[in-house]
Amino acid sequence: MNVKIEKIETNVVKLEIVVDAKKFSEALKKSYNKNVKRYNIPGFRKGKAPMNIIKKYYGIEVLYEDAINFCCEDTYPKALDENNIKPVDYPEIDVVEIGEGKDFVYTAKVVVMPEVELGEYKGLEVKKVEYAASEEEVERQLKAMQQKNARVETKTEGKVEDGNIAVIDFKGYVDGIAFEGGEGQDYPLEIGSGTFIGDFEQQLIGAEVGEKKDVNVAFPENYGKEELNGKPALFEVTIKEIKVKELPELDDEFAKEVSEFDTLEELKTDIKSKIQESNDLRAKREYEEAVIEAVCNNVKVEIPEVMISKEIDNMIRDLEMRLKYQGLDLETYYAYTNNTEQKMRDFMKESAEKKVKTDLVIEEISKVEKIEASEEEIKERALEIAKQYGDKDLDKTADLIIKAQGHLIKTDVINEKTLKLLVESSKTIA
């Protein structure tokens, strides 16, 4: 096999690969063995005709397609490996010369990994933002705990008030016609929660149990359903029950009931500590992102569109998986958010390009700095993953994880060590 390489444009190369005649003859024989059962020739049982007879009846060309595939599958990966070429897409194959008894010559045009020209990446000045846990955040969490532990009782007298839960039947109409999804029975609606559109909830204030009330609202222009966007709607509502929340007192007894602490002050201190821990993690991640952004700003690289497109594909798949866990699909999501796949791809493009560039830069720095992942580090990471499965035999599970995902784990470890290098060498400014 002989290979000639030509750079035809940025991040695109063309390989001319020559497969000697002997190898091509072997590929033709493999093609014959694969396809012989397809041919029915007089005087021979089906699938038993010799190769020379098939050539006589149909021509050698009927064996070319699979022979070409066999040759390309065998020689193209070797050509890439021997010449240290890293493709990012499938090649565009063109046959240059083909014939029985001749060398087989073909070209493979392919988009390759871009060259990354690093700038300064150590000692960069990066601003760090700190987030202090506030008393307001503590109070918000306490109130949320108070709401979660509230007792709900039926209101035997009186009317719907702000903060009450109105149990309602409702049916909605647009232009006098009931619309899909606009009907419900025994729906517990907390007044003031903002669950329903417009001032729907406020219009129920003052109503009594058993009362029927017409509620007039308008759907938002960007509601997500074309037939409802911006349309006025009438809802026929029946008040079936009124419930009221009784909030527990925020005192030491409350703390004992909802936590392992004996006093409210101890509970507040714990809440504040956890908020601060979360804020510190947020600040750490934002600083790491700022360091990476500063490093990437000093880098020159032309990213092939196909790499960005593939990253968008990954992002779409991730979105699809998250929606699946919520019982939704992409089409439903697009309908509710007034979106299309193309709009979503356009929206994701900037983030995808940033992600691809970051990955390329981290990889290049890890090479320059000769950062590696040891077998011990890979095993340690695999054990961490194994613990999440709750298996008793962690070593066995970790070994299976390494066998299936060893390359990904190795990349993650290297990337984390590279990021740590960049962060530790950076200079923090206020």
Protein backbone atom coordinates (compact mmCIF):
# COMPACT_ATOMS: atom_id res chain seq x y z
CA MET A 1 0.00 0.00 0.00
CA ASN A 2 1.32 3.41 -1.03
CA VAL A 3 -0.15 6.66 0.29
CA LYS A 4 0.17 10.23 -0.93
CA ILE A 5 -1.23 13.04 1.19
CA GLU A 6 -2.32 16.44 -0.05
CA LYS A 7 -3.65 19.27 2.10
CA ILE A 8 -6.37 20.77 -0.06
CA GLU A 9 -7.80 23.34 2.39
CA THR A 10 -7.78 24.19 6.08
CA ASN A 11 -8.49 21.03 8.09
CA VAL A 12 -9.12 18.97 4.95
CA VAL A 13 -6.69 16.47 3.43
CA LYS A 14 -6.89 14.10 0.49
CA LEU A 15 -5.19 10.72 0.64
CA GLU A 16 -4.40 8.87 -2.58
CA ILE A 17 -4.10 5.21 -1.65
CA VAL A 18 -2.70 2.57 -4.00
CA VAL A 19 -3.63 -1.05 -3.25
CA ASP A 20 -1.45 -3.52 -5.17
CA ALA A 21 -3.06 -5.83 -7.71
CA LYS A 22 -2.60 -8.93 -5.55
CA LYS A 23 -4.51 -7.40 -2.65
CA PHE A 24 -7.27 -6.24 -4.99
CA SER A 25 -7.55 -9.76 -6.45
CA GLU A 26 -8.00 -11.10 -2.91
CA ALA A 27 -10.73 -8.50 -2.35
CA LEU A 28 -12.47 -9.64 -5.54
CA LYS A 29 -12.35 -13.22 -4.28
CA LYS A 30 -13.94 -12.14 -0.97
CA SER A 31 -16.61 -10.29 -2.92
CA TYR A 32 -17.29 -13.42 -4.97
CA ASN A 33 -17.62 -15.55 -1.81
CA LYS A 34 -20.04 -13.03 -0.33
CA ASN A 35 -22.25 -12.71 -3.40
CA VAL A 36 -22.07 -16.10 -5.17
CA LYS A 37 -25.41 -17.27 -3.71
CA ARG A 38 -27.19 -14.44 -5.48
CA TYR A 39 -26.46 -15.76 -8.96
CA ASN A 40 -28.50 -18.41 -10.75
CA ILE A 41 -26.65 -19.70 -13.82
CA PRO A 42 -27.88 -22.54 -16.09
CA GLY A 43 -25.95 -25.77 -15.52
CA PHE A 44 -24.96 -24.89 -11.97
CA ARG A 45 -26.81 -25.19 -8.72
CA LYS A 46 -27.68 -21.79 -7.30
CA GLY A 47 -24.71 -20.40 -5.40
CA LYS A 48 -22.26 -22.93 -6.88
CA ALA A 49 -21.16 -21.19 -10.10
CA PRO A 50 -17.37 -20.64 -10.29
CA MET A 51 -16.02 -17.10 -10.30
CA ASN A 52 -14.93 -17.23 -13.96
CA ILE A 53 -18.45 -18.25 -15.02
CA ILE A 54 -20.01 -15.34 -13.09
CA LYS A 55 -17.48 -13.02 -14.79
CA LYS A 56 -18.50 -14.43 -18.18
CA TYR A 57 -22.26 -14.02 -17.59
CA TYR A 58 -22.35 -10.78 -15.60
CA GLY A 59 -18.95 -9.16 -15.96
CA ILE A 60 -16.30 -8.69 -13.26
CA GLU A 61 -17.85 -5.29 -12.46
CA VAL A 62 -20.63 -6.93 -10.40
CA LEU A 63 -17.99 -7.77 -7.79
CA TYR A 64 -16.43 -4.30 -7.67
CA GLU A 65 -18.66 -2.67 -5.03
CA ASP A 66 -17.91 -5.10 -2.23
CA ALA A 67 -14.29 -5.48 -3.32
CA ILE A 68 -13.88 -1.70 -3.05
CA ASN A 69 -15.45 -1.76 0.42
CA PHE A 70 -13.14 -4.58 1.55
CA CYS A 71 -10.08 -2.70 0.29
CA CYS A 72 -11.10 0.59 1.88
CA GLU A 73 -11.97 -1.03 5.20
CA ASP A 74 -8.54 -2.64 5.27
CA THR A 75 -6.31 0.15 3.98
CA TYR A 76 -7.96 3.45 4.98
CA PRO A 77 -7.54 3.00 8.79
CA LYS A 78 -3.94 1.87 8.27
CA ALA A 79 -3.22 4.92 6.11
CA LEU A 80 -4.59 7.20 8.83
CA ASP A 81 -2.60 5.45 11.56
CA GLU A 82 0.70 5.35 9.67
CA ASN A 83 0.47 9.05 8.81
CA ASN A 84 -0.90 10.21 12.18
CA ILE A 85 -4.07 11.63 10.63
CA LYS A 86 -7.05 12.12 12.93
CA PRO A 87 -10.33 12.40 11.02
CA VAL A 88 -13.42 14.06 12.50
CA ASP A 89 -15.87 12.82 9.88
CA TYR A 90 -16.44 10.02 7.39
CA PRO A 91 -14.27 10.22 4.24
CA GLU A 92 -15.46 11.05 0.75
CA ILE A 93 -14.20 8.14 -1.37
CA ASP A 94 -13.52 8.40 -5.10
CA VAL A 95 -12.18 5.58 -7.31
CA VAL A 96 -9.26 6.65 -9.50
CA GLU A 97 -8.35 3.36 -11.15
CA ILE A 98 -9.87 -0.10 -10.97
CA GLY A 99 -9.57 -3.28 -12.99
CA GLU A 100 -8.86 -6.97 -12.67
CA GLY A 101 -5.13 -7.60 -12.50
CA LYS A 102 -4.40 -3.92 -11.85
CA ASP A 103 -3.53 -1.87 -8.80
CA PHE A 104 -6.63 -0.39 -7.20
CA VAL A 105 -6.26 3.36 -6.68
CA TYR A 106 -8.66 5.53 -4.74
CA THR A 107 -8.73 8.87 -2.95
CA ALA A 108 -10.20 9.66 0.47
CA LYS A 109 -11.03 13.28 1.17
CA VAL A 110 -11.57 13.85 4.88
CA VAL A 111 -11.93 16.61 7.45
CA VAL A 112 -9.25 16.28 10.13
CA MET A 113 -8.63 17.53 13.64
CA PRO A 114 -7.62 21.19 13.51
CA GLU A 115 -4.20 22.47 14.54
CA VAL A 116 -4.30 24.30 17.87
CA GLU A 117 -1.86 27.19 18.25
CA LEU A 118 -1.53 27.83 21.96
CA GLY A 119 -0.81 31.25 23.45
CA GLU A 120 0.00 31.98 27.08
CA TYR A 121 -1.92 29.63 29.31
CA LYS A 122 -0.10 29.83 32.64
CA GLY A 123 -0.15 32.71 35.09
CA LEU A 124 -3.19 34.39 33.57
CA GLU A 125 -5.01 36.98 35.69
CA VAL A 126 -8.61 35.94 36.31
CA LYS A 127 -11.30 37.60 38.40
CA LYS A 128 -12.84 35.53 41.17
CA VAL A 129 -16.30 36.24 42.56
CA GLU A 130 -17.26 35.15 46.07
CA TYR A 131 -20.86 34.49 47.13
CA ALA A 132 -21.68 34.94 50.81
CA ALA A 133 -24.70 33.19 52.29
CA SER A 134 -27.24 35.86 53.27
CA GLU A 135 -29.83 35.89 56.01
CA GLU A 136 -32.48 36.37 53.29
CA GLU A 137 -31.48 33.04 51.70
CA VAL A 138 -31.69 31.32 55.08
CA GLU A 139 -35.16 32.77 55.68
CA ARG A 140 -36.32 31.68 52.23
CA GLN A 141 -35.26 28.10 52.90
CA LEU A 142 -36.90 28.15 56.32
CA LYS A 143 -40.15 29.39 54.81
CA ALA A 144 -39.96 26.67 52.16
CA MET A 145 -39.57 24.08 54.92
CA GLN A 146 -42.48 25.70 56.74
CA GLN A 147 -44.66 25.46 53.63
CA LYS A 148 -43.64 21.84 53.05
CA ASN A 149 -44.68 20.91 56.59
CA ALA A 150 -47.94 22.89 56.59
CA ARG A 151 -51.19 21.16 57.47
CA VAL A 152 -53.97 21.50 54.92
CA GLU A 153 -57.52 21.55 56.26
CA THR A 154 -60.90 22.08 54.64
CA LYS A 155 -62.32 25.55 55.11
CA THR A 156 -65.90 24.98 56.33
CA GLU A 157 -66.99 28.61 56.09
CA GLY A 158 -66.06 31.66 54.11
CA LYS A 159 -64.87 32.42 50.63
CA VAL A 160 -61.74 31.90 48.54
CA GLU A 161 -58.89 34.07 49.80
CA ASP A 162 -55.35 34.68 48.62
CA GLY A 163 -53.21 31.75 49.78
CA ASN A 164 -56.14 29.31 49.96
CA ILE A 165 -56.29 26.15 47.88
CA ALA A 166 -59.39 26.10 45.69
CA VAL A 167 -60.38 22.63 44.49
CA ILE A 168 -61.99 23.30 41.11
CA ASP A 169 -63.49 21.81 37.98
CA PHE A 170 -62.79 23.89 34.90
CA LYS A 171 -63.27 23.85 31.14
CA GLY A 172 -61.74 26.34 28.73
CA TYR A 173 -63.05 27.72 25.44
CA VAL A 174 -61.44 29.75 22.67
CA ASP A 175 -63.82 31.31 20.14
CA GLY A 176 -66.59 29.34 21.81
CA ILE A 177 -64.90 25.97 21.19
CA ALA A 178 -63.41 23.78 23.93
CA PHE A 179 -59.68 23.27 23.36
CA GLU A 180 -57.44 20.29 24.07
CA GLY A 181 -55.80 20.38 27.50
CA GLY A 182 -58.18 23.04 28.80
CA GLU A 183 -60.24 20.84 31.11
CA GLY A 184 -59.71 19.48 34.61
CA GLN A 185 -61.58 17.99 37.56
CA ASP A 186 -60.84 18.28 41.27
CA TYR A 187 -57.78 20.40 40.53
CA PRO A 188 -56.14 21.84 43.69
CA LEU A 189 -55.18 25.41 42.72
CA GLU A 190 -53.23 27.48 45.23
CA ILE A 191 -54.38 31.07 44.86
CA GLY A 192 -51.42 33.37 44.29
CA SER A 193 -49.07 30.60 43.12
CA GLY A 194 -49.10 31.86 39.52
CA THR A 195 -49.84 28.36 38.25
CA PHE A 196 -52.55 29.49 35.81
CA ILE A 197 -52.22 32.20 33.17
CA GLY A 198 -52.98 35.88 33.67
CA ASP A 199 -55.18 36.82 36.63
CA PHE A 200 -57.10 33.51 36.55
CA GLU A 201 -56.43 32.87 40.23
CA GLN A 202 -57.27 36.39 41.37
CA GLN A 203 -60.68 36.18 39.68
CA LEU A 204 -61.58 33.27 42.00
CA ILE A 205 -61.04 35.33 45.16
CA GLY A 206 -64.37 35.89 46.91
CA ALA A 207 -66.07 32.83 45.40
CA GLU A 208 -67.88 30.33 47.61
CA VAL A 209 -68.08 26.54 47.58
CA GLY A 210 -70.56 25.40 44.92
CA GLU A 211 -70.35 28.67 43.02
CA LYS A 212 -69.88 28.63 39.25
CA LYS A 213 -67.77 31.40 37.85
CA ASP A 214 -66.72 32.53 34.38
CA VAL A 215 -63.06 33.48 34.21
CA ASN A 216 -61.80 35.51 31.25
CA VAL A 217 -58.09 35.54 30.48
CA ALA A 218 -55.78 35.82 27.47
CA PHE A 219 -53.04 33.38 26.56
CA PRO A 220 -49.53 34.89 26.22
CA GLU A 221 -48.32 35.55 22.68
CA ASN A 222 -45.55 32.97 23.14
CA TYR A 223 -47.64 30.38 24.99
CA GLY A 224 -46.23 27.60 22.80
CA LYS A 225 -49.36 26.40 20.99
CA GLU A 226 -50.07 28.18 17.76
CA GLU A 227 -53.84 27.80 18.09
CA LEU A 228 -53.74 29.45 21.56
CA ASN A 229 -50.95 32.06 21.29
CA GLY A 230 -52.39 35.48 22.22
CA LYS A 231 -56.00 34.25 22.12
CA PRO A 232 -58.66 35.34 24.66
CA ALA A 233 -60.20 32.42 26.52
CA LEU A 234 -63.24 31.77 28.71
CA PHE A 235 -63.04 29.22 31.52
CA GLU A 236 -66.13 27.84 33.19
CA VAL A 237 -65.06 27.16 36.79
CA THR A 238 -66.87 25.40 39.64
CA ILE A 239 -65.57 25.81 43.21
CA LYS A 240 -65.88 22.35 44.81
CA GLU A 241 -63.89 22.86 48.01
CA ILE A 242 -61.76 25.47 49.75
CA LYS A 243 -58.71 24.45 51.75
CA VAL A 244 -56.45 26.49 53.98
CA LYS A 245 -52.84 25.94 54.94
CA GLU A 246 -51.92 26.07 58.61
CA LEU A 247 -48.23 26.88 58.88
CA PRO A 248 -46.27 25.57 61.87
CA GLU A 249 -44.52 28.08 64.12
CA LEU A 250 -40.84 28.58 63.39
CA ASP A 251 -39.49 27.64 66.81
CA ASP A 252 -37.37 25.00 68.54
CA GLU A 253 -40.17 22.43 68.29
CA PHE A 254 -40.29 22.94 64.54
CA ALA A 255 -36.52 22.40 64.34
CA LYS A 256 -36.83 19.13 66.27
CA GLU A 257 -39.59 17.87 63.98
CA VAL A 258 -37.92 18.62 60.66
CA SER A 259 -34.24 18.05 61.47
CA GLU A 260 -31.74 16.45 63.82
CA PHE A 261 -31.27 19.74 65.67
CA ASP A 262 -32.76 20.76 69.03
CA THR A 263 -33.03 24.50 68.43
CA LEU A 264 -34.08 26.81 65.61
CA GLU A 265 -30.74 28.61 65.81
CA GLU A 266 -28.86 25.35 65.22
CA LEU A 267 -31.09 24.63 62.21
CA LYS A 268 -30.46 28.13 60.82
CA THR A 269 -26.71 27.69 61.28
CA ASP A 270 -26.83 24.38 59.39
CA ILE A 271 -28.89 25.88 56.58
CA LYS A 272 -26.47 28.79 56.27
CA SER A 273 -23.50 26.41 56.22
CA LYS A 274 -25.02 24.36 53.41
CA ILE A 275 -25.89 27.48 51.43
CA GLN A 276 -22.30 28.68 51.81
CA GLU A 277 -20.98 25.28 50.72
CA SER A 278 -23.16 25.46 47.60
CA ASN A 279 -22.07 29.06 46.95
CA ASP A 280 -18.40 28.11 47.30
CA LEU A 281 -18.85 25.30 44.78
CA ARG A 282 -20.59 27.73 42.41
CA ALA A 283 -17.72 30.23 42.79
CA LYS A 284 -15.16 27.46 42.18
CA ARG A 285 -16.87 26.33 38.98
CA GLU A 286 -17.28 29.88 37.71
CA TYR A 287 -13.59 30.56 38.36
CA GLU A 288 -12.57 27.41 36.50
CA GLU A 289 -14.76 28.48 33.57
CA ALA A 290 -13.19 31.95 33.66
CA VAL A 291 -9.69 30.46 33.61
CA ILE A 292 -10.56 28.25 30.64
CA GLU A 293 -12.12 31.20 28.82
CA ALA A 294 -8.99 33.28 29.40
CA VAL A 295 -6.80 30.46 28.08
CA CYS A 296 -9.04 29.95 25.03
CA ASN A 297 -8.92 33.67 24.23
CA ASN A 298 -5.17 33.28 23.63
CA VAL A 299 -5.59 30.35 21.24
CA LYS A 300 -5.76 30.31 17.45
CA VAL A 301 -7.76 27.47 15.93
CA GLU A 302 -10.14 27.05 13.02
CA ILE A 303 -12.83 24.57 14.06
CA PRO A 304 -14.44 22.51 11.27
CA GLU A 305 -18.21 22.97 11.07
CA VAL A 306 -18.70 19.22 11.21
CA MET A 307 -17.23 19.13 14.74
CA ILE A 308 -19.67 21.82 15.89
CA SER A 309 -22.55 20.02 14.20
CA LYS A 310 -21.66 16.75 15.93
CA GLU A 311 -21.50 18.48 19.31
CA ILE A 312 -24.96 19.95 18.67
CA ASP A 313 -26.13 16.39 17.89
CA ASN A 314 -24.83 15.34 21.31
CA MET A 315 -26.61 18.24 23.00
CA ILE A 316 -29.88 17.36 21.25
CA ARG A 317 -29.54 13.73 22.37
CA ASP A 318 -28.90 14.84 25.96
CA LEU A 319 -32.00 17.05 25.82
CA GLU A 320 -34.02 14.16 24.43
CA MET A 321 -32.90 11.88 27.29
CA ARG A 322 -33.79 14.49 29.94
CA LEU A 323 -37.21 14.99 28.39
CA LYS A 324 -37.76 11.23 28.27
CA TYR A 325 -37.32 11.01 32.05
CA GLN A 326 -40.06 13.64 32.34
CA GLY A 327 -42.39 11.69 30.07
CA LEU A 328 -41.95 14.06 27.12
CA ASP A 329 -40.47 13.85 23.63
CA LEU A 330 -38.73 16.40 21.42
CA GLU A 331 -41.74 17.11 19.22
CA THR A 332 -43.93 17.89 22.25
CA TYR A 333 -41.17 20.06 23.71
CA TYR A 334 -40.78 21.98 20.45
CA ALA A 335 -44.55 22.55 20.29
CA TYR A 336 -44.81 23.86 23.85
CA THR A 337 -41.78 26.14 23.51
CA ASN A 338 -42.71 27.37 20.03
CA ASN A 339 -39.49 25.88 18.70
CA THR A 340 -38.20 23.77 15.83
CA GLU A 341 -35.15 21.55 15.60
CA GLN A 342 -33.40 24.13 13.43
CA LYS A 343 -34.15 26.93 15.91
CA MET A 344 -32.80 24.75 18.69
CA ARG A 345 -29.65 23.94 16.72
CA ASP A 346 -29.09 27.63 16.00
CA PHE A 347 -29.56 28.40 19.69
CA MET A 348 -27.08 25.70 20.72
CA LYS A 349 -24.41 26.57 18.17
CA GLU A 350 -22.49 29.10 20.27
CA SER A 351 -22.33 26.76 23.28
CA ALA A 352 -21.33 23.84 21.06
CA GLU A 353 -18.50 25.82 19.47
CA LYS A 354 -17.27 26.90 22.90
CA LYS A 355 -17.35 23.29 24.15
CA VAL A 356 -15.44 21.96 21.12
CA LYS A 357 -12.80 24.70 21.41
CA THR A 358 -12.38 24.06 25.14
CA ASP A 359 -11.92 20.31 24.56
CA LEU A 360 -9.34 20.93 21.83
CA VAL A 361 -7.38 23.39 23.98
CA ILE A 362 -7.39 21.14 27.05
CA GLU A 363 -6.22 18.21 24.93
CA GLU A 364 -3.40 20.23 23.36
CA ILE A 365 -2.19 21.56 26.74
CA SER A 366 -2.23 18.05 28.22
CA LYS A 367 0.03 16.91 25.36
CA VAL A 368 2.43 19.83 25.76
CA GLU A 369 2.58 19.35 29.52
CA LYS A 370 2.82 15.54 29.12
CA ILE A 371 -0.10 14.97 31.50
CA GLU A 372 -1.12 11.33 31.78
CA ALA A 373 -3.56 9.21 33.78
CA SER A 374 -1.99 6.35 35.72
CA GLU A 375 -3.62 2.94 36.05
CA GLU A 376 -4.14 3.70 39.75
CA GLU A 377 -5.97 6.94 38.97
CA ILE A 378 -8.17 5.23 36.40
CA LYS A 379 -8.97 2.42 38.86
CA GLU A 380 -9.78 4.95 41.59
CA ARG A 381 -12.20 6.78 39.31
CA ALA A 382 -13.81 3.49 38.26
CA LEU A 383 -14.28 2.56 41.93
CA GLU A 384 -16.05 5.88 42.53
CA ILE A 385 -18.43 5.07 39.70
CA ALA A 386 -18.91 1.51 40.96
CA LYS A 387 -19.98 2.81 44.38
CA GLN A 388 -22.89 4.61 42.72
CA TYR A 389 -24.27 1.25 41.58
CA GLY A 390 -24.26 -0.04 45.15
CA ASP A 391 -22.61 -3.33 44.17
CA LYS A 392 -20.87 -5.32 46.90
CA ASP A 393 -17.97 -6.47 44.73
CA LEU A 394 -16.59 -3.01 43.88
CA ASP A 395 -13.33 -4.29 42.37
CA LYS A 396 -15.13 -6.54 39.91
CA THR A 397 -17.57 -3.80 38.92
CA ALA A 398 -14.74 -1.28 38.56
CA ASP A 399 -12.86 -3.66 36.26
CA LEU A 400 -15.95 -4.07 34.09
CA ILE A 401 -16.36 -0.28 33.94
CA ILE A 402 -12.73 0.13 32.89
CA LYS A 403 -13.17 -2.51 30.19
CA ALA A 404 -16.24 -0.72 28.80
CA GLN A 405 -15.30 2.93 29.40
CA GLY A 406 -11.58 2.95 30.14
CA HIS A 407 -10.75 5.43 27.38
CA LEU A 408 -13.42 7.90 28.53
CA ILE A 409 -12.30 7.62 32.15
CA LYS A 410 -8.69 8.20 31.14
CA THR A 411 -9.69 11.31 29.18
CA ASP A 412 -11.70 12.66 32.12
CA VAL A 413 -8.79 12.18 34.52
CA ILE A 414 -6.34 13.89 32.15
CA ASN A 415 -8.73 16.77 31.55
CA GLU A 416 -9.26 17.30 35.29
CA LYS A 417 -5.50 17.26 35.96
CA THR A 418 -4.94 19.74 33.12
CA LEU A 419 -7.66 22.05 34.43
CA LYS A 420 -6.12 21.85 37.91
CA LEU A 421 -2.76 22.89 36.45
CA LEU A 422 -4.30 25.91 34.76
CA VAL A 423 -6.25 26.99 37.84
CA GLU A 424 -3.31 26.58 40.22
CA SER A 425 -1.02 28.58 37.92
CA SER A 426 -3.55 31.41 37.45
CA LYS A 427 -3.45 34.70 39.34
CA THR A 428 -6.65 35.63 41.15
CA ILE A 429 -7.78 39.26 41.00
CA ALA A 430 -10.67 40.78 42.91
